[in-house]
Amino acid sequence: MQSTSPSKSEKDYQLLQQYLSEHFLNDADYLYDTMPDELIEHCFRQYYVFLSGSFALTDWYALFQQEAYRILNLRGITQDQTEYKLRSARFINYVQNLMNSLQNEKIDVSSYPARESGEDLAHVSV
């Protein structure tokens, strides 16, 4: 019987989930003290960093959107309210600035432990 190893996209997604678990979901102070808009931005940044190189934009954005709903639901924010935040000028400007600042960087998260991957790009200002 031949076992198949996970694809790059599966590995990247597993690393992302591990990172989010370690840095978001297991840190109640961060989760509840951070403004919802900032939570969405940080979450988006991680999805962009971890998945943009191995998933199609529409696929990883759909995964991010579900994660944003889930994270903000923990704060009592409804899916409609989250959707409003995802369509806000603030979030759109954040996304544009992030993508412009990182467009020339080649990101390969597979070589980093999950707890370091997101921190790797902390020097990039948006």
Protein backbone atom coordinates (compact mmCIF):
# COMPACT_ATOMS: atom_id res chain seq x y z
CA MET A 1 0.00 0.00 0.00
CA GLN A 2 1.40 3.34 -1.05
CA SER A 3 0.94 6.33 1.22
CA THR A 4 0.73 9.75 -0.33
CA SER A 5 2.37 12.70 1.31
CA PRO A 6 0.42 15.92 1.66
CA SER A 7 0.67 18.39 -1.20
CA LYS A 8 2.33 21.77 -0.75
CA SER A 9 -1.07 23.44 -0.41
CA GLU A 10 -2.12 20.94 2.26
CA LYS A 11 1.15 21.46 4.16
CA ASP A 12 0.82 25.25 3.94
CA TYR A 13 -2.77 25.05 5.18
CA GLN A 14 -1.72 22.82 8.10
CA LEU A 15 1.04 25.28 9.03
CA LEU A 16 -1.45 28.14 8.87
CA GLN A 17 -3.93 26.33 11.11
CA GLN A 18 -1.15 25.56 13.59
CA TYR A 19 -0.04 29.20 13.57
CA LEU A 20 -3.58 30.50 14.05
CA SER A 21 -4.17 28.06 16.87
CA GLU A 22 -0.96 29.08 18.64
CA HIS A 23 -1.23 32.84 18.09
CA PHE A 24 -4.95 33.56 17.86
CA LEU A 25 -7.23 30.96 19.29
CA ASN A 26 -5.10 30.00 22.30
CA ASP A 27 -4.46 33.62 23.28
CA ALA A 28 -7.71 34.77 24.87
CA ASP A 29 -6.26 38.17 25.83
CA TYR A 30 -5.27 38.90 22.25
CA LEU A 31 -8.53 37.57 20.86
CA TYR A 32 -10.71 39.66 23.17
CA ASP A 33 -8.56 42.78 23.62
CA THR A 34 -7.78 43.40 19.96
CA MET A 35 -10.17 45.47 17.87
CA PRO A 36 -12.21 43.32 15.44
CA ASP A 37 -10.84 45.18 12.40
CA GLU A 38 -7.29 44.43 13.53
CA LEU A 39 -8.15 40.75 14.06
CA ILE A 40 -9.42 40.54 10.50
CA GLU A 41 -6.33 42.28 9.16
CA HIS A 42 -3.94 40.02 11.08
CA CYS A 43 -5.88 36.95 9.98
CA PHE A 44 -5.83 38.10 6.34
CA ARG A 45 -2.10 38.73 6.51
CA GLN A 46 -1.50 35.19 7.71
CA TYR A 47 -3.71 33.69 4.99
CA TYR A 48 -1.87 35.76 2.40
CA VAL A 49 1.56 34.80 3.74
CA PHE A 50 0.82 31.10 4.16
CA LEU A 51 -1.49 30.33 1.23
CA SER A 52 -1.03 32.80 -1.62
CA GLY A 53 1.79 30.75 -3.12
CA SER A 54 -0.04 27.43 -3.09
CA PHE A 55 -3.76 28.23 -3.47
CA ALA A 56 -5.69 30.17 -6.06
CA LEU A 57 -6.75 33.60 -4.78
CA THR A 58 -10.45 32.71 -4.75
CA ASP A 59 -9.76 29.50 -2.81
CA TRP A 60 -7.62 30.96 -0.05
CA TYR A 61 -9.83 34.05 0.23
CA ALA A 62 -12.88 31.82 0.75
CA LEU A 63 -10.97 29.97 3.50
CA PHE A 64 -9.93 33.30 5.05
CA GLN A 65 -13.51 34.57 4.95
CA GLN A 66 -14.74 31.50 6.84
CA GLU A 67 -11.95 31.96 9.39
CA ALA A 68 -12.88 35.62 9.84
CA TYR A 69 -16.50 34.63 10.48
CA ARG A 70 -15.36 32.02 13.00
CA ILE A 71 -12.92 34.28 14.86
CA LEU A 72 -15.29 37.22 15.11
CA ASN A 73 -18.15 34.93 16.09
CA LEU A 74 -16.09 34.14 19.20
CA ARG A 75 -16.42 37.85 19.98
CA GLY A 76 -20.19 37.82 19.41
CA ILE A 77 -19.96 39.52 16.03
CA THR A 78 -22.43 38.20 13.48
CA GLN A 79 -21.57 37.01 9.99
CA ASP A 80 -23.36 40.04 8.50
CA GLN A 81 -21.32 42.40 10.69
CA THR A 82 -18.13 40.58 9.71
CA GLU A 83 -19.06 40.78 6.04
CA TYR A 84 -19.54 44.54 6.46
CA LYS A 85 -16.03 44.79 7.92
CA LEU A 86 -14.61 42.74 5.02
CA ARG A 87 -16.12 45.21 2.56
CA SER A 88 -15.09 48.33 4.46
CA ALA A 89 -12.74 50.92 2.99
CA ARG A 90 -10.35 50.28 5.89
CA PHE A 91 -10.00 46.58 5.06
CA ILE A 92 -9.76 47.15 1.30
CA ASN A 93 -7.00 49.73 1.83
CA TYR A 94 -5.20 47.35 4.17
CA VAL A 95 -5.31 44.56 1.58
CA GLN A 96 -4.06 46.83 -1.19
CA ASN A 97 -1.20 48.13 0.94
CA LEU A 98 -0.22 44.64 2.08
CA MET A 99 -0.25 43.20 -1.42
CA ASN A 100 1.70 46.15 -2.81
CA SER A 101 4.34 45.88 -0.11
CA LEU A 102 4.75 42.11 -0.50
CA GLN A 103 4.27 41.69 -4.25
CA ASN A 104 7.98 41.35 -4.95
CA GLU A 105 8.72 39.02 -2.05
CA LYS A 106 8.70 35.30 -2.68
CA ILE A 107 7.20 33.65 0.39
CA ASP A 108 7.83 29.99 1.14
CA VAL A 109 6.42 29.11 4.55
CA SER A 110 7.30 25.44 4.35
CA SER A 111 10.84 26.12 5.54
CA TYR A 112 9.71 27.91 8.72
CA PRO A 113 8.22 26.47 11.89
CA ALA A 114 4.63 27.66 12.27
CA ARG A 115 5.36 29.93 15.20
CA GLU A 116 7.97 31.84 13.18
CA SER A 117 6.26 32.08 9.79
CA GLY A 118 3.98 35.00 10.53
CA GLU A 119 6.63 36.81 12.52
CA ASP A 120 8.99 36.52 9.57
CA LEU A 121 7.27 39.41 7.83
CA ALA A 122 6.79 41.61 10.88
CA HIS A 123 9.24 44.12 9.37
CA VAL A 124 6.87 44.89 6.48
CA SER A 125 4.79 47.95 7.28
CA VAL A 126 1.28 48.36 5.95
